[in-house]
Amino acid sequence: MAHHRWLPSIDGTGLALDELVESGAASFEAGPAWAADADLELFDSPTEELASLTVEEPIGAYYRQVGVVWDGGTLLERGGGE
């Protein structure tokens, strides 16, 4: 899995504003999955181009609770803020 993290640095070297990290799970537990039909509306934004995105073919939606114990990670890239 790859995630963006905000504070603190995953490698323990202090604070980090923007990091791309690789992480793995030591354990995982999931609840039941619930499937449904869904509608998606994207609204205009002054800072994003969401209005240009369109939903062509919705295939459904799901919800599932998950619990994960993370066992650390590896720094892949640090953002340009340093």
PDB file of N, CA and C in Angstrom:
ATOM      1  N   MET A   1       0.838  -1.170   0.000  1.00  0.00           N
ATOM      2  CA  MET A   1       0.000   0.000   0.000  1.00  0.00           C
ATOM      3  C   MET A   1       0.886   1.237   0.000  1.00  0.00           C
ATOM      4  N   ALA A   2       0.426   2.300  -0.593  1.00  0.00           N
ATOM      5  CA  ALA A   2       1.126   3.574  -0.542  1.00  0.00           C
ATOM      6  C   ALA A   2       0.167   4.618   0.010  1.00  0.00           C
ATOM      7  N   HIS A   3       0.650   5.463   0.909  1.00  0.00           N
ATOM      8  CA  HIS A   3      -0.176   6.459   1.572  1.00  0.00           C
ATOM      9  C   HIS A   3       0.558   7.785   1.622  1.00  0.00           C
ATOM     10  N   HIS A   4      -0.180   8.853   1.725  1.00  0.00           N
ATOM     11  CA  HIS A   4       0.404  10.140   2.084  1.00  0.00           C
ATOM     12  C   HIS A   4       0.224  10.315   3.589  1.00  0.00           C
ATOM     13  N   ARG A   5       1.246  10.777   4.261  1.00  0.00           N
ATOM     14  CA  ARG A   5       1.196  10.997   5.716  1.00  0.00           C
ATOM     15  C   ARG A   5       1.459  12.461   6.013  1.00  0.00           C
ATOM     16  N   TRP A   6       0.874  12.950   7.078  1.00  0.00           N
ATOM     17  CA  TRP A   6       1.126  14.302   7.568  1.00  0.00           C
ATOM     18  C   TRP A   6       1.558  14.192   9.020  1.00  0.00           C
ATOM     19  N   LEU A   7       2.787  14.514   9.338  1.00  0.00           N
ATOM     20  CA  LEU A   7       3.357  14.548  10.688  1.00  0.00           C
ATOM     21  C   LEU A   7       3.061  13.293  11.490  1.00  0.00           C
ATOM     22  N   PRO A   8       3.969  12.753  12.209  1.00  0.00           N
ATOM     23  CA  PRO A   8       5.408  12.939  12.157  1.00  0.00           C
ATOM     24  C   PRO A   8       6.028  12.079  11.070  1.00  0.00           C
ATOM     25  N   SER A   9       7.313  12.236  10.835  1.00  0.00           N
ATOM     26  CA  SER A   9       7.995  11.467   9.797  1.00  0.00           C
ATOM     27  C   SER A   9       7.977   9.977  10.133  1.00  0.00           C
ATOM     28  N   ILE A  10       7.767   9.156   9.136  1.00  0.00           N
ATOM     29  CA  ILE A  10       7.709   7.715   9.376  1.00  0.00           C
ATOM     30  C   ILE A  10       9.067   7.130   9.730  1.00  0.00           C
ATOM     31  N   ASP A  11      10.149   7.802   9.314  1.00  0.00           N
ATOM     32  CA  ASP A  11      11.478   7.270   9.623  1.00  0.00           C
ATOM     33  C   ASP A  11      12.042   7.818  10.928  1.00  0.00           C
ATOM     34  N   GLY A  12      11.236   8.583  11.680  1.00  0.00           N
ATOM     35  CA  GLY A  12      11.639   9.040  13.002  1.00  0.00           C
ATOM     36  C   GLY A  12      12.636  10.182  13.011  1.00  0.00           C
ATOM     37  N   THR A  13      12.797  10.886  11.892  1.00  0.00           N
ATOM     38  CA  THR A  13      13.790  11.966  11.825  1.00  0.00           C
ATOM     39  C   THR A  13      13.188  13.337  12.110  1.00  0.00           C
ATOM     40  N   GLY A  14      12.075  13.403  12.762  1.00  0.00           N
ATOM     41  CA  GLY A  14      11.463  14.683  13.098  1.00  0.00           C
ATOM     42  C   GLY A  14      10.105  14.819  12.445  1.00  0.00           C
ATOM     43  N   LEU A  15       9.738  16.063  12.186  1.00  0.00           N
ATOM     44  CA  LEU A  15       8.445  16.339  11.588  1.00  0.00           C
ATOM     45  C   LEU A  15       8.556  16.372  10.071  1.00  0.00           C
ATOM     46  N   ALA A  16       7.485  15.970   9.406  1.00  0.00           N
ATOM     47  CA  ALA A  16       7.457  15.970   7.948  1.00  0.00           C
ATOM     48  C   ALA A  16       6.089  16.469   7.506  1.00  0.00           C
ATOM     49  N   LEU A  17       6.062  17.357   6.545  1.00  0.00           N
ATOM     50  CA  LEU A  17       4.791  17.877   6.064  1.00  0.00           C
ATOM     51  C   LEU A  17       4.207  17.042   4.946  1.00  0.00           C
ATOM     52  N   ASP A  18       5.038  16.353   4.192  1.00  0.00           N
ATOM     53  CA  ASP A  18       4.526  15.597   3.047  1.00  0.00           C
ATOM     54  C   ASP A  18       5.467  14.448   2.739  1.00  0.00           C
ATOM     55  N   GLU A  19       5.007  13.232   2.934  1.00  0.00           N
ATOM     56  CA  GLU A  19       5.809  12.048   2.639  1.00  0.00           C
ATOM     57  C   GLU A  19       4.971  11.017   1.899  1.00  0.00           C
ATOM     58  N   LEU A  20       5.583  10.333   0.976  1.00  0.00           N
ATOM     59  CA  LEU A  20       4.988   9.152   0.362  1.00  0.00           C
ATOM     60  C   LEU A  20       5.668   7.959   1.010  1.00  0.00           C
ATOM     61  N   VAL A  21       4.870   7.098   1.639  1.00  0.00           N
ATOM     62  CA  VAL A  21       5.435   5.982   2.385  1.00  0.00           C
ATOM     63  C   VAL A  21       4.838   4.663   1.907  1.00  0.00           C
ATOM     64  N   GLU A  22       5.596   3.614   2.128  1.00  0.00           N
ATOM     65  CA  GLU A  22       5.112   2.252   1.899  1.00  0.00           C
ATOM     66  C   GLU A  22       4.906   1.637   3.271  1.00  0.00           C
ATOM     67  N   SER A  23       3.776   0.991   3.477  1.00  0.00           N
ATOM     68  CA  SER A  23       3.522   0.388   4.775  1.00  0.00           C
ATOM     69  C   SER A  23       2.873  -0.970   4.600  1.00  0.00           C
ATOM     70  N   GLY A  24       3.033  -1.780   5.618  1.00  0.00           N
ATOM     71  CA  GLY A  24       2.424  -3.094   5.608  1.00  0.00           C
ATOM     72  C   GLY A  24       1.624  -3.284   6.881  1.00  0.00           C
ATOM     73  N   ALA A  25       0.736  -4.229   6.870  1.00  0.00           N
ATOM     74  CA  ALA A  25      -0.116  -4.487   8.020  1.00  0.00           C
ATOM     75  C   ALA A  25       0.365  -5.721   8.762  1.00  0.00           C
ATOM     76  N   ALA A  26       0.468  -5.599  10.089  1.00  0.00           N
ATOM     77  CA  ALA A  26       0.816  -6.742  10.922  1.00  0.00           C
ATOM     78  C   ALA A  26      -0.390  -7.651  11.103  1.00  0.00           C
ATOM     79  N   SER A  27      -1.588  -7.028  11.146  1.00  0.00           N
ATOM     80  CA  SER A  27      -2.819  -7.813  11.233  1.00  0.00           C
ATOM     81  C   SER A  27      -3.961  -6.987  10.674  1.00  0.00           C
ATOM     82  N   PHE A  28      -5.014  -7.679  10.300  1.00  0.00           N
ATOM     83  CA  PHE A  28      -6.150  -7.050   9.637  1.00  0.00           C
ATOM     84  C   PHE A  28      -7.408  -7.785  10.048  1.00  0.00           C
ATOM     85  N   GLU A  29      -8.465  -7.033  10.311  1.00  0.00           N
ATOM     86  CA  GLU A  29      -9.763  -7.633  10.605  1.00  0.00           C
ATOM     87  C   GLU A  29     -10.832  -6.803   9.913  1.00  0.00           C
ATOM     88  N   ALA A  30     -11.789  -7.475   9.281  1.00  0.00           N
ATOM     89  CA  ALA A  30     -12.821  -6.761   8.528  1.00  0.00           C
ATOM     90  C   ALA A  30     -14.208  -7.200   8.956  1.00  0.00           C
ATOM     91  N   GLY A  31     -15.114  -6.233   8.958  1.00  0.00           N
ATOM     92  CA  GLY A  31     -16.510  -6.517   9.224  1.00  0.00           C
ATOM     93  C   GLY A  31     -17.209  -6.906   7.925  1.00  0.00           C
ATOM     94  N   PRO A  32     -18.505  -7.115   7.976  1.00  0.00           N
ATOM     95  CA  PRO A  32     -19.236  -7.487   6.770  1.00  0.00           C
ATOM     96  C   PRO A  32     -19.263  -6.329   5.766  1.00  0.00           C
ATOM     97  N   ALA A  33     -19.285  -6.671   4.500  1.00  0.00           N
ATOM     98  CA  ALA A  33     -19.374  -5.666   3.437  1.00  0.00           C
ATOM     99  C   ALA A  33     -20.843  -5.456   3.080  1.00  0.00           C
ATOM    100  N   TRP A  34     -21.212  -4.201   2.895  1.00  0.00           N
ATOM    101  CA  TRP A  34     -22.576  -3.841   2.519  1.00  0.00           C
ATOM    102  C   TRP A  34     -22.529  -3.232   1.125  1.00  0.00           C
ATOM    103  N   ALA A  35     -23.271  -3.786   0.194  1.00  0.00           N
ATOM    104  CA  ALA A  35     -23.294  -3.292  -1.183  1.00  0.00           C
ATOM    105  C   ALA A  35     -24.600  -2.548  -1.438  1.00  0.00           C
ATOM    106  N   ALA A  36     -24.547  -1.570  -2.360  1.00  0.00           N
ATOM    107  CA  ALA A  36     -25.743  -0.788  -2.663  1.00  0.00           C
ATOM    108  C   ALA A  36     -25.566  -0.067  -3.989  1.00  0.00           C
ATOM    109  N   ASP A  37     -26.630   0.483  -4.493  1.00  0.00           N
ATOM    110  CA  ASP A  37     -26.556   1.411  -5.614  1.00  0.00           C
ATOM    111  C   ASP A  37     -26.248   2.782  -5.043  1.00  0.00           C
ATOM    112  N   ALA A  38     -25.596   3.622  -5.830  1.00  0.00           N
ATOM    113  CA  ALA A  38     -25.227   4.934  -5.321  1.00  0.00           C
ATOM    114  C   ALA A  38     -25.255   5.968  -6.423  1.00  0.00           C
ATOM    115  N   ASP A  39     -25.462   7.215  -6.032  1.00  0.00           N
ATOM    116  CA  ASP A  39     -25.341   8.362  -6.922  1.00  0.00           C
ATOM    117  C   ASP A  39     -24.168   9.195  -6.434  1.00  0.00           C
ATOM    118  N   LEU A  40     -23.455   9.805  -7.362  1.00  0.00           N
ATOM    119  CA  LEU A  40     -22.315  10.637  -7.019  1.00  0.00           C
ATOM    120  C   LEU A  40     -22.492  11.996  -7.660  1.00  0.00           C
ATOM    121  N   GLU A  41     -22.428  13.038  -6.837  1.00  0.00           N
ATOM    122  CA  GLU A  41     -22.508  14.404  -7.339  1.00  0.00           C
ATOM    123  C   GLU A  41     -21.210  15.120  -7.000  1.00  0.00           C
ATOM    124  N   LEU A  42     -20.587  15.723  -7.986  1.00  0.00           N
ATOM    125  CA  LEU A  42     -19.391  16.534  -7.774  1.00  0.00           C
ATOM    126  C   LEU A  42     -19.768  17.990  -7.995  1.00  0.00           C
ATOM    127  N   PHE A  43     -19.477  18.825  -7.035  1.00  0.00           N
ATOM    128  CA  PHE A  43     -19.875  20.224  -7.086  1.00  0.00           C
ATOM    129  C   PHE A  43     -18.701  21.098  -7.518  1.00  0.00           C
ATOM    130  N   ASP A  44     -19.006  22.269  -8.041  1.00  0.00           N
ATOM    131  CA  ASP A  44     -17.969  23.209  -8.434  1.00  0.00           C
ATOM    132  C   ASP A  44     -17.109  23.579  -7.234  1.00  0.00           C
ATOM    133  N   SER A  45     -15.842  23.824  -7.514  1.00  0.00           N
ATOM    134  CA  SER A  45     -14.895  24.211  -6.482  1.00  0.00           C
ATOM    135  C   SER A  45     -14.033  25.345  -7.018  1.00  0.00           C
ATOM    136  N   PRO A  46     -13.706  26.323  -6.175  1.00  0.00           N
ATOM    137  CA  PRO A  46     -12.862  27.416  -6.651  1.00  0.00           C
ATOM    138  C   PRO A  46     -11.404  27.002  -6.881  1.00  0.00           C
ATOM    139  N   THR A  47     -10.991  25.855  -6.340  1.00  0.00           N
ATOM    140  CA  THR A  47      -9.585  25.443  -6.466  1.00  0.00           C
ATOM    141  C   THR A  47      -9.393  24.127  -7.221  1.00  0.00           C
ATOM    142  N   GLU A  48     -10.458  23.435  -7.566  1.00  0.00           N
ATOM    143  CA  GLU A  48     -10.351  22.151  -8.259  1.00  0.00           C
ATOM    144  C   GLU A  48     -11.181  22.168  -9.537  1.00  0.00           C
ATOM    145  N   GLU A  49     -10.876  21.275 -10.446  1.00  0.00           N
ATOM    146  CA  GLU A  49     -11.611  21.182 -11.708  1.00  0.00           C
ATOM    147  C   GLU A  49     -12.613  20.032 -11.676  1.00  0.00           C
ATOM    148  N   LEU A  50     -13.388  19.951 -10.605  1.00  0.00           N
ATOM    149  CA  LEU A  50     -14.307  18.832 -10.426  1.00  0.00           C
ATOM    150  C   LEU A  50     -15.443  18.844 -11.435  1.00  0.00           C
ATOM    151  N   ALA A  51     -15.837  20.015 -11.909  1.00  0.00           N
ATOM    152  CA  ALA A  51     -16.954  20.094 -12.845  1.00  0.00           C
ATOM    153  C   ALA A  51     -16.649  19.374 -14.157  1.00  0.00           C
ATOM    154  N   SER A  52     -15.363  19.210 -14.486  1.00  0.00           N
ATOM    155  CA  SER A  52     -15.010  18.525 -15.735  1.00  0.00           C
ATOM    156  C   SER A  52     -15.060  16.999 -15.598  1.00  0.00           C
ATOM    157  N   LEU A  53     -15.174  16.484 -14.384  1.00  0.00           N
ATOM    158  CA  LEU A  53     -15.298  15.046 -14.176  1.00  0.00           C
ATOM    159  C   LEU A  53     -16.749  14.637 -14.340  1.00  0.00           C
ATOM    160  N   THR A  54     -16.983  13.544 -15.026  1.00  0.00           N
ATOM    161  CA  THR A  54     -18.347  13.043 -15.180  1.00  0.00           C
ATOM    162  C   THR A  54     -18.402  11.579 -14.790  1.00  0.00           C
ATOM    163  N   VAL A  55     -19.530  11.168 -14.288  1.00  0.00           N
ATOM    164  CA  VAL A  55     -19.755   9.763 -13.958  1.00  0.00           C
ATOM    165  C   VAL A  55     -20.431   9.138 -15.163  1.00  0.00           C
ATOM    166  N   GLU A  56     -19.731   8.245 -15.841  1.00  0.00           N
ATOM    167  CA  GLU A  56     -20.247   7.625 -17.056  1.00  0.00           C
ATOM    168  C   GLU A  56     -21.060   6.365 -16.773  1.00  0.00           C
ATOM    169  N   GLU A  57     -20.555   5.510 -15.910  1.00  0.00           N
ATOM    170  CA  GLU A  57     -21.229   4.235 -15.651  1.00  0.00           C
ATOM    171  C   GLU A  57     -21.009   3.810 -14.204  1.00  0.00           C
ATOM    172  N   PRO A  58     -21.894   4.204 -13.290  1.00  0.00           N
ATOM    173  CA  PRO A  58     -21.723   3.762 -11.902  1.00  0.00           C
ATOM    174  C   PRO A  58     -21.922   2.251 -11.803  1.00  0.00           C
ATOM    175  N   ILE A  59     -21.035   1.604 -11.078  1.00  0.00           N
ATOM    176  CA  ILE A  59     -21.133   0.148 -10.961  1.00  0.00           C
ATOM    177  C   ILE A  59     -21.570  -0.296  -9.566  1.00  0.00           C
ATOM    178  N   GLY A  60     -21.786   0.666  -8.660  1.00  0.00           N
ATOM    179  CA  GLY A  60     -22.254   0.315  -7.330  1.00  0.00           C
ATOM    180  C   GLY A  60     -21.409   0.976  -6.261  1.00  0.00           C
ATOM    181  N   ALA A  61     -21.684   0.641  -5.038  1.00  0.00           N
ATOM    182  CA  ALA A  61     -20.970   1.208  -3.904  1.00  0.00           C
ATOM    183  C   ALA A  61     -20.908   0.167  -2.806  1.00  0.00           C
ATOM    184  N   TYR A  62     -19.940   0.341  -1.904  1.00  0.00           N
ATOM    185  CA  TYR A  62     -19.863  -0.566  -0.766  1.00  0.00           C
ATOM    186  C   TYR A  62     -19.355   0.186   0.450  1.00  0.00           C
ATOM    187  N   TYR A  63     -19.629  -0.384   1.607  1.00  0.00           N
ATOM    188  CA  TYR A  63     -19.129   0.129   2.876  1.00  0.00           C
ATOM    189  C   TYR A  63     -18.639  -1.060   3.676  1.00  0.00           C
ATOM    190  N   ARG A  64     -17.488  -0.908   4.306  1.00  0.00           N
ATOM    191  CA  ARG A  64     -16.957  -1.993   5.114  1.00  0.00           C
ATOM    192  C   ARG A  64     -16.070  -1.407   6.206  1.00  0.00           C
ATOM    193  N   GLN A  65     -16.261  -1.834   7.435  1.00  0.00           N
ATOM    194  CA  GLN A  65     -15.383  -1.423   8.517  1.00  0.00           C
ATOM    195  C   GLN A  65     -14.151  -2.304   8.510  1.00  0.00           C
ATOM    196  N   VAL A  66     -12.988  -1.697   8.688  1.00  0.00           N
ATOM    197  CA  VAL A  66     -11.751  -2.460   8.752  1.00  0.00           C
ATOM    198  C   VAL A  66     -10.923  -1.985   9.934  1.00  0.00           C
ATOM    199  N   GLY A  67     -10.175  -2.886  10.497  1.00  0.00           N
ATOM    200  CA  GLY A  67      -9.222  -2.574  11.560  1.00  0.00           C
ATOM    201  C   GLY A  67      -7.857  -3.097  11.145  1.00  0.00           C
ATOM    202  N   VAL A  68      -6.851  -2.256  11.256  1.00  0.00           N
ATOM    203  CA  VAL A  68      -5.508  -2.622  10.819  1.00  0.00           C
ATOM    204  C   VAL A  68      -4.508  -2.249  11.892  1.00  0.00           C
ATOM    205  N   VAL A  69      -3.551  -3.129  12.157  1.00  0.00           N
ATOM    206  CA  VAL A  69      -2.409  -2.821  12.999  1.00  0.00           C
ATOM    207  C   VAL A  69      -1.226  -2.642  12.054  1.00  0.00           C
ATOM    208  N   TRP A  70      -0.703  -1.402  11.976  1.00  0.00           N
ATOM    209  CA  TRP A  70       0.419  -1.109  11.075  1.00  0.00           C
ATOM    210  C   TRP A  70       1.722  -1.467  11.756  1.00  0.00           C
ATOM    211  N   ASP A  71       2.646  -2.033  11.006  1.00  0.00           N
ATOM    212  CA  ASP A  71       3.939  -2.433  11.569  1.00  0.00           C
ATOM    213  C   ASP A  71       5.085  -1.581  11.009  1.00  0.00           C
ATOM    214  N   GLY A  72       4.868  -0.277  10.962  1.00  0.00           N
ATOM    215  CA  GLY A  72       5.925   0.607  10.480  1.00  0.00           C
ATOM    216  C   GLY A  72       5.821   0.831   8.993  1.00  0.00           C
ATOM    217  N   GLY A  73       6.881   1.329   8.416  1.00  0.00           N
ATOM    218  CA  GLY A  73       6.871   1.599   6.994  1.00  0.00           C
ATOM    219  C   GLY A  73       8.216   2.097   6.519  1.00  0.00           C
ATOM    220  N   THR A  74       8.274   2.381   5.235  1.00  0.00           N
ATOM    221  CA  THR A  74       9.503   2.829   4.599  1.00  0.00           C
ATOM    222  C   THR A  74       9.218   4.141   3.882  1.00  0.00           C
ATOM    223  N   LEU A  75      10.093   5.114   4.044  1.00  0.00           N
ATOM    224  CA  LEU A  75       9.971   6.378   3.354  1.00  0.00           C
ATOM    225  C   LEU A  75      10.331   6.181   1.882  1.00  0.00           C
ATOM    226  N   LEU A  76       9.403   6.490   0.971  1.00  0.00           N
ATOM    227  CA  LEU A  76       9.664   6.380  -0.453  1.00  0.00           C
ATOM    228  C   LEU A  76      10.114   7.708  -1.054  1.00  0.00           C
ATOM    229  N   GLU A  77       9.471   8.802  -0.602  1.00  0.00           N
ATOM    230  CA  GLU A  77       9.840  10.118  -1.112  1.00  0.00           C
ATOM    231  C   GLU A  77       9.369  11.179  -0.131  1.00  0.00           C
ATOM    232  N   ARG A  78      10.200  12.180   0.068  1.00  0.00           N
ATOM    233  CA  ARG A  78       9.844  13.309   0.927  1.00  0.00           C
ATOM    234  C   ARG A  78       9.461  14.472   0.041  1.00  0.00           C
ATOM    235  N   GLY A  79       8.410  15.209   0.413  1.00  0.00           N
ATOM    236  CA  GLY A  79       7.937  16.344  -0.367  1.00  0.00           C
ATOM    237  C   GLY A  79       8.970  17.462  -0.436  1.00  0.00           C
ATOM    238  N   GLY A  80       8.680  18.449  -1.281  1.00  0.00           N
ATOM    239  CA  GLY A  80       9.629  19.523  -1.527  1.00  0.00           C
ATOM    240  C   GLY A  80       9.721  20.562  -0.436  1.00  0.00           C
ATOM    241  N   GLY A  81       9.056  20.386   0.701  1.00  0.00           N
ATOM    242  CA  GLY A  81       9.053  21.381   1.753  1.00  0.00           C
ATOM    243  C   GLY A  81      10.321  21.452   2.560  1.00  0.00           C
ATOM    244  N   GLU A  82      11.275  20.557   2.342  1.00  0.00           N
ATOM    245  CA  GLU A  82      12.503  20.558   3.135  1.00  0.00           C
ATOM    246  C   GLU A  82      13.684  21.036   2.337  1.00  0.00           C
TER     247      GLU A  82
END
